[in-house]
Amino acid sequence: MSESKPLPAAEPTALPSSTDLLAALAGNVPRHHQHARLLYAVFLLANLDAWLNTDGVVSRDGVDGSVIIGELGIRSFEDSAREKLSRVIAEETRDYPDAADHVVLMVRSYQNSGVPGAARLYDKTTNNALF
């Protein structure tokens, strides 16, 4: 009878797994993951509306932040953030044709799915998951 040899360890993947990407949508990104930069960009892009709310600030006169930004001629922060995060995704997947497009499509599908955003899934002040 021949002795069985252990299988060689799998080589690390050049891109994160689909499981890692799906987990990142909801904010589950291990801080020291080899693809943390890409996964954080996916997380922030998927939850852009939750964390980038220019109307979260209002002047004493009752003028919303987005109105003030527009009156100052500042380009939309949402578009700027979306473009920057999309660039990070493209940089992190540059060796794989079409990978960035597929990741962005996955993010859009998540945003349109009706799944609550990550900000509503976790309450940092109480350290509790919200359902």
C-alpha atoms as a PDB file:
ATOM      1  CA  MET A   1       0.000   0.000   0.000  1.00  0.00           C
ATOM      2  CA  SER A   2       1.414   3.373  -0.929  1.00  0.00           C
ATOM      3  CA  GLU A   3       1.763   6.098   1.593  1.00  0.00           C
ATOM      4  CA  SER A   4      -0.441   9.127   0.924  1.00  0.00           C
ATOM      5  CA  LYS A   5       1.246  12.465   0.663  1.00  0.00           C
ATOM      6  CA  PRO A   6      -0.383  15.656   1.890  1.00  0.00           C
ATOM      7  CA  LEU A   7      -1.685  17.913  -0.832  1.00  0.00           C
ATOM      8  CA  PRO A   8       0.321  21.084  -1.376  1.00  0.00           C
ATOM      9  CA  ALA A   9      -1.118  24.185   0.243  1.00  0.00           C
ATOM     10  CA  ALA A  10      -3.211  26.306  -2.046  1.00  0.00           C
ATOM     11  CA  GLU A  11      -1.471  29.402  -3.297  1.00  0.00           C
ATOM     12  CA  PRO A  12      -2.932  32.673  -2.145  1.00  0.00           C
ATOM     13  CA  THR A  13      -5.446  34.094  -4.577  1.00  0.00           C
ATOM     14  CA  ALA A  14      -4.589  37.283  -6.360  1.00  0.00           C
ATOM     15  CA  LEU A  15      -8.063  38.685  -5.654  1.00  0.00           C
ATOM     16  CA  PRO A  16     -10.257  38.260  -2.601  1.00  0.00           C
ATOM     17  CA  SER A  17     -12.812  35.484  -2.659  1.00  0.00           C
ATOM     18  CA  SER A  18     -16.439  36.174  -3.485  1.00  0.00           C
ATOM     19  CA  THR A  19     -17.190  35.331   0.158  1.00  0.00           C
ATOM     20  CA  ASP A  20     -14.790  38.084   1.275  1.00  0.00           C
ATOM     21  CA  LEU A  21     -16.336  40.556  -1.176  1.00  0.00           C
ATOM     22  CA  LEU A  22     -19.877  39.765  -0.043  1.00  0.00           C
ATOM     23  CA  ALA A  23     -18.850  40.069   3.618  1.00  0.00           C
ATOM     24  CA  ALA A  24     -17.205  43.423   2.894  1.00  0.00           C
ATOM     25  CA  LEU A  25     -20.494  44.834   1.584  1.00  0.00           C
ATOM     26  CA  ALA A  26     -21.878  44.603   5.120  1.00  0.00           C
ATOM     27  CA  GLY A  27     -18.681  45.825   6.773  1.00  0.00           C
ATOM     28  CA  ASN A  28     -16.995  42.538   7.648  1.00  0.00           C
ATOM     29  CA  VAL A  29     -13.401  43.310   6.676  1.00  0.00           C
ATOM     30  CA  PRO A  30     -10.563  41.794   8.689  1.00  0.00           C
ATOM     31  CA  ARG A  31      -8.194  44.684   9.342  1.00  0.00           C
ATOM     32  CA  HIS A  32      -5.083  42.776   8.268  1.00  0.00           C
ATOM     33  CA  HIS A  33      -6.606  40.951   5.288  1.00  0.00           C
ATOM     34  CA  GLN A  34      -4.179  40.916   2.349  1.00  0.00           C
ATOM     35  CA  HIS A  35      -6.877  42.683   0.276  1.00  0.00           C
ATOM     36  CA  ALA A  36      -8.104  45.044   3.004  1.00  0.00           C
ATOM     37  CA  ARG A  37      -7.691  48.155   0.826  1.00  0.00           C
ATOM     38  CA  LEU A  38      -9.952  46.713  -1.876  1.00  0.00           C
ATOM     39  CA  LEU A  39     -12.450  45.330   0.646  1.00  0.00           C
ATOM     40  CA  TYR A  40     -12.680  48.653   2.505  1.00  0.00           C
ATOM     41  CA  ALA A  41     -13.266  50.466  -0.804  1.00  0.00           C
ATOM     42  CA  VAL A  42     -16.053  47.978  -1.589  1.00  0.00           C
ATOM     43  CA  PHE A  43     -17.572  48.518   1.863  1.00  0.00           C
ATOM     44  CA  LEU A  44     -17.466  52.318   1.649  1.00  0.00           C
ATOM     45  CA  LEU A  45     -18.793  52.399  -1.910  1.00  0.00           C
ATOM     46  CA  ALA A  46     -21.658  50.057  -1.034  1.00  0.00           C
ATOM     47  CA  ASN A  47     -22.601  52.178   1.974  1.00  0.00           C
ATOM     48  CA  LEU A  48     -21.823  55.633   0.594  1.00  0.00           C
ATOM     49  CA  ASP A  49     -25.207  57.114   1.452  1.00  0.00           C
ATOM     50  CA  ALA A  50     -24.913  55.952   5.063  1.00  0.00           C
ATOM     51  CA  TRP A  51     -21.575  57.586   5.842  1.00  0.00           C
ATOM     52  CA  LEU A  52     -21.453  60.557   3.472  1.00  0.00           C
ATOM     53  CA  ASN A  53     -24.434  62.670   4.331  1.00  0.00           C
ATOM     54  CA  THR A  54     -23.806  66.299   3.446  1.00  0.00           C
ATOM     55  CA  ASP A  55     -27.207  67.161   4.882  1.00  0.00           C
ATOM     56  CA  GLY A  56     -26.025  65.876   8.254  1.00  0.00           C
ATOM     57  CA  VAL A  57     -24.873  69.431   8.912  1.00  0.00           C
ATOM     58  CA  VAL A  58     -27.244  72.383   8.872  1.00  0.00           C
ATOM     59  CA  SER A  59     -26.402  76.059   9.441  1.00  0.00           C
ATOM     60  CA  ARG A  60     -28.105  77.998  12.218  1.00  0.00           C
ATOM     61  CA  ASP A  61     -30.270  79.542   9.515  1.00  0.00           C
ATOM     62  CA  GLY A  62     -31.503  76.066   8.552  1.00  0.00           C
ATOM     63  CA  VAL A  63     -29.547  75.740   5.312  1.00  0.00           C
ATOM     64  CA  ASP A  64     -28.569  72.124   4.565  1.00  0.00           C
ATOM     65  CA  GLY A  65     -24.932  71.257   3.937  1.00  0.00           C
ATOM     66  CA  SER A  66     -25.638  70.126   0.382  1.00  0.00           C
ATOM     67  CA  VAL A  67     -27.172  73.527  -0.439  1.00  0.00           C
ATOM     68  CA  ILE A  68     -24.153  75.328   1.021  1.00  0.00           C
ATOM     69  CA  ILE A  69     -21.783  73.087  -0.944  1.00  0.00           C
ATOM     70  CA  GLY A  70     -23.662  73.867  -4.149  1.00  0.00           C
ATOM     71  CA  GLU A  71     -23.685  77.618  -3.462  1.00  0.00           C
ATOM     72  CA  LEU A  72     -19.920  77.530  -2.892  1.00  0.00           C
ATOM     73  CA  GLY A  73     -19.460  75.844  -6.255  1.00  0.00           C
ATOM     74  CA  ILE A  74     -17.976  72.739  -4.687  1.00  0.00           C
ATOM     75  CA  ARG A  75     -18.441  69.643  -6.738  1.00  0.00           C
ATOM     76  CA  SER A  76     -20.628  66.947  -5.251  1.00  0.00           C
ATOM     77  CA  PHE A  77     -18.826  65.140  -2.448  1.00  0.00           C
ATOM     78  CA  GLU A  78     -20.832  62.016  -3.230  1.00  0.00           C
ATOM     79  CA  ASP A  79     -19.598  61.926  -6.825  1.00  0.00           C
ATOM     80  CA  SER A  80     -16.025  62.667  -5.746  1.00  0.00           C
ATOM     81  CA  ALA A  81     -16.082  59.909  -3.139  1.00  0.00           C
ATOM     82  CA  ARG A  82     -17.685  57.457  -5.572  1.00  0.00           C
ATOM     83  CA  GLU A  83     -15.034  58.237  -8.209  1.00  0.00           C
ATOM     84  CA  LYS A  84     -12.147  57.883  -5.743  1.00  0.00           C
ATOM     85  CA  LEU A  85     -13.447  54.575  -4.354  1.00  0.00           C
ATOM     86  CA  SER A  86     -13.992  53.282  -7.895  1.00  0.00           C
ATOM     87  CA  ARG A  87     -10.376  54.260  -8.696  1.00  0.00           C
ATOM     88  CA  VAL A  88      -9.116  52.342  -5.659  1.00  0.00           C
ATOM     89  CA  ILE A  89     -11.067  49.277  -6.806  1.00  0.00           C
ATOM     90  CA  ALA A  90      -9.622  49.648 -10.324  1.00  0.00           C
ATOM     91  CA  GLU A  91      -6.071  50.020  -8.934  1.00  0.00           C
ATOM     92  CA  GLU A  92      -6.416  46.958  -6.723  1.00  0.00           C
ATOM     93  CA  THR A  93      -7.744  44.817  -9.601  1.00  0.00           C
ATOM     94  CA  ARG A  94      -5.639  46.310 -12.403  1.00  0.00           C
ATOM     95  CA  ASP A  95      -4.068  42.978 -13.393  1.00  0.00           C
ATOM     96  CA  TYR A  96      -7.482  41.398 -14.021  1.00  0.00           C
ATOM     97  CA  PRO A  97      -9.451  42.710 -16.992  1.00  0.00           C
ATOM     98  CA  ASP A  98     -13.050  43.569 -16.159  1.00  0.00           C
ATOM     99  CA  ALA A  99     -12.674  42.664 -12.457  1.00  0.00           C
ATOM    100  CA  ALA A 100     -13.315  46.253 -11.317  1.00  0.00           C
ATOM    101  CA  ASP A 101     -16.466  46.427 -13.447  1.00  0.00           C
ATOM    102  CA  HIS A 102     -17.742  43.187 -11.921  1.00  0.00           C
ATOM    103  CA  VAL A 103     -17.022  44.404  -8.385  1.00  0.00           C
ATOM    104  CA  VAL A 104     -18.839  47.691  -9.021  1.00  0.00           C
ATOM    105  CA  LEU A 105     -21.816  45.780 -10.480  1.00  0.00           C
ATOM    106  CA  MET A 106     -21.883  43.640  -7.341  1.00  0.00           C
ATOM    107  CA  VAL A 107     -21.890  46.819  -5.208  1.00  0.00           C
ATOM    108  CA  ARG A 108     -24.780  48.271  -7.230  1.00  0.00           C
ATOM    109  CA  SER A 109     -26.735  45.028  -6.898  1.00  0.00           C
ATOM    110  CA  TYR A 110     -26.208  45.145  -3.140  1.00  0.00           C
ATOM    111  CA  GLN A 111     -27.355  48.761  -2.985  1.00  0.00           C
ATOM    112  CA  ASN A 112     -30.494  47.923  -4.981  1.00  0.00           C
ATOM    113  CA  SER A 113     -31.264  44.735  -3.048  1.00  0.00           C
ATOM    114  CA  GLY A 114     -33.037  46.372  -0.136  1.00  0.00           C
ATOM    115  CA  VAL A 115     -30.571  44.905   2.369  1.00  0.00           C
ATOM    116  CA  PRO A 116     -30.086  47.405   5.204  1.00  0.00           C
ATOM    117  CA  GLY A 117     -26.842  49.341   4.962  1.00  0.00           C
ATOM    118  CA  ALA A 118     -23.968  48.368   7.223  1.00  0.00           C
ATOM    119  CA  ALA A 119     -24.461  51.469   9.382  1.00  0.00           C
ATOM    120  CA  ARG A 120     -27.843  50.067  10.357  1.00  0.00           C
ATOM    121  CA  LEU A 121     -26.497  46.585  11.024  1.00  0.00           C
ATOM    122  CA  TYR A 122     -24.021  47.551  13.746  1.00  0.00           C
ATOM    123  CA  ASP A 123     -24.313  50.074  16.553  1.00  0.00           C
ATOM    124  CA  LYS A 124     -20.791  51.173  17.486  1.00  0.00           C
ATOM    125  CA  THR A 125     -21.877  52.919  20.680  1.00  0.00           C
ATOM    126  CA  THR A 126     -23.374  49.782  22.191  1.00  0.00           C
ATOM    127  CA  ASN A 127     -21.159  47.292  20.335  1.00  0.00           C
ATOM    128  CA  ASN A 128     -24.290  45.375  19.301  1.00  0.00           C
ATOM    129  CA  ALA A 129     -25.460  43.992  16.001  1.00  0.00           C
ATOM    130  CA  LEU A 130     -28.827  45.411  14.975  1.00  0.00           C
ATOM    131  CA  PHE A 131     -31.441  43.380  13.144  1.00  0.00           C
END
